[in-house]
Amino acid sequence: MKIQMYRCQKDLGIVYRTREEIQEVRSKSDPITLLKDRMVNNNLASIEELKEIDVAVRKEIEEAAQFATTDPEPPLEELGNHIYFNEPPFEVRGPNQWIRYKSVS
């Protein structure tokens, strides 16, 4: 049995294809790139507008990632809060089987 069979799906493309082949396929079948090309070709948006959208999206993603990595973890008492939207409160077992926390929706 070859070692490549144990590799994850992501790695398989690099083993059997060159980077140029991968980039060529992505340029022809990437849905975001295809949509951008269609929008520009049909005068629905300009390249500058799409670049502005891309910058805004990247900024929002960066801010969300920064918040996710720097925000302190909630205390254990709040661990079961806001799990479901518009659901009645329920109890969640804590780290000890005798401790139960009530959820907040």
Protein backbone atom coordinates (compact mmCIF):
# COMPACT_ATOMS: atom_id res chain seq x y z
CA MET A 1 0.00 0.00 0.00
CA LYS A 2 1.34 3.43 -0.87
CA ILE A 3 1.83 6.10 1.75
CA GLN A 4 -0.15 8.58 -0.38
CA MET A 5 -3.33 6.64 0.38
CA TYR A 6 -3.09 7.72 4.01
CA ARG A 7 -2.68 11.38 3.20
CA CYS A 8 -5.63 13.71 3.50
CA GLN A 9 -7.59 14.79 0.42
CA LYS A 10 -6.03 18.26 0.50
CA ASP A 11 -2.52 16.88 0.08
CA LEU A 12 -3.41 14.55 -2.78
CA GLY A 13 -3.68 17.36 -5.33
CA ILE A 14 -0.12 18.48 -4.69
CA VAL A 15 1.28 14.95 -5.00
CA TYR A 16 -0.27 14.17 -8.37
CA ARG A 17 -0.53 17.62 -9.97
CA THR A 18 1.87 20.48 -10.44
CA ARG A 19 1.08 23.88 -8.94
CA GLU A 20 0.56 25.21 -12.46
CA GLU A 21 -2.11 22.59 -13.15
CA ILE A 22 -3.89 23.43 -9.90
CA GLN A 23 -3.83 27.17 -10.66
CA GLU A 24 -5.13 26.55 -14.19
CA VAL A 25 -8.08 24.51 -12.93
CA ARG A 26 -8.89 27.09 -10.27
CA SER A 27 -8.81 29.90 -12.84
CA LYS A 28 -11.32 28.02 -15.00
CA SER A 29 -13.69 26.66 -12.35
CA ASP A 30 -13.49 28.89 -9.27
CA PRO A 31 -17.09 30.11 -8.77
CA ILE A 32 -16.08 33.45 -7.25
CA THR A 33 -13.69 34.25 -10.10
CA LEU A 34 -16.27 33.18 -12.68
CA LEU A 35 -18.93 35.39 -11.07
CA LYS A 36 -16.57 38.36 -10.95
CA ASP A 37 -15.74 37.91 -14.64
CA ARG A 38 -19.41 37.71 -15.58
CA MET A 39 -20.26 40.80 -13.56
CA VAL A 40 -17.49 42.82 -15.21
CA ASN A 41 -18.30 41.52 -18.70
CA ASN A 42 -22.01 42.35 -18.31
CA ASN A 43 -21.29 45.81 -16.84
CA LEU A 44 -22.91 44.91 -13.52
CA ALA A 45 -19.85 46.02 -11.58
CA SER A 46 -16.46 47.49 -12.28
CA ILE A 47 -13.15 45.96 -11.28
CA GLU A 48 -12.65 48.81 -8.81
CA GLU A 49 -16.01 48.11 -7.14
CA LEU A 50 -15.19 44.44 -6.80
CA LYS A 51 -11.79 45.30 -5.33
CA GLU A 52 -13.49 47.59 -2.78
CA ILE A 53 -15.88 44.78 -1.84
CA ASP A 54 -12.98 42.36 -1.51
CA VAL A 55 -11.08 44.77 0.75
CA ALA A 56 -14.18 45.33 2.92
CA VAL A 57 -14.81 41.59 3.24
CA ARG A 58 -11.19 40.87 4.12
CA LYS A 59 -11.28 43.65 6.74
CA GLU A 60 -14.46 42.22 8.28
CA ILE A 61 -12.95 38.72 8.37
CA GLU A 62 -9.77 40.05 9.97
CA GLU A 63 -11.76 41.92 12.63
CA ALA A 64 -13.86 38.82 13.38
CA ALA A 65 -10.74 36.65 13.63
CA GLN A 66 -9.07 39.21 15.89
CA PHE A 67 -12.15 39.32 18.14
CA ALA A 68 -12.34 35.52 18.25
CA THR A 69 -8.70 35.15 19.30
CA THR A 70 -8.53 38.02 21.82
CA ASP A 71 -11.96 37.85 23.47
CA PRO A 72 -11.72 36.15 26.88
CA GLU A 73 -13.47 32.83 27.33
CA PRO A 74 -16.83 33.06 29.09
CA PRO A 75 -17.14 31.74 32.63
CA LEU A 76 -18.47 28.19 33.04
CA GLU A 77 -21.82 29.54 34.30
CA GLU A 78 -22.46 31.05 30.85
CA LEU A 79 -21.31 28.04 28.84
CA GLY A 80 -24.86 26.94 27.98
CA ASN A 81 -26.16 30.41 27.10
CA HIS A 82 -27.28 31.33 23.60
CA ILE A 83 -26.89 27.86 22.13
CA TYR A 84 -30.25 27.95 20.36
CA PHE A 85 -32.21 30.92 19.08
CA ASN A 86 -35.75 31.38 20.45
CA GLU A 87 -35.77 28.17 22.46
CA PRO A 88 -37.05 27.88 26.00
CA PRO A 89 -34.36 27.72 28.70
CA PHE A 90 -32.97 24.29 29.50
CA GLU A 91 -30.39 22.83 31.84
CA VAL A 92 -26.87 21.91 30.77
CA ARG A 93 -24.73 19.55 32.83
CA GLY A 94 -21.54 21.18 34.04
CA PRO A 95 -18.04 19.73 34.43
CA ASN A 96 -19.31 17.95 37.53
CA GLN A 97 -22.37 15.71 37.09
CA TRP A 98 -24.04 17.35 40.10
CA ILE A 99 -23.72 20.89 38.74
CA ARG A 100 -26.34 22.09 36.27
CA TYR A 101 -26.42 25.44 34.49
CA LYS A 102 -29.56 27.03 33.13
CA SER A 103 -29.37 28.31 29.57
CA VAL A 104 -30.40 31.75 28.44
CA SER A 105 -31.84 32.32 24.96
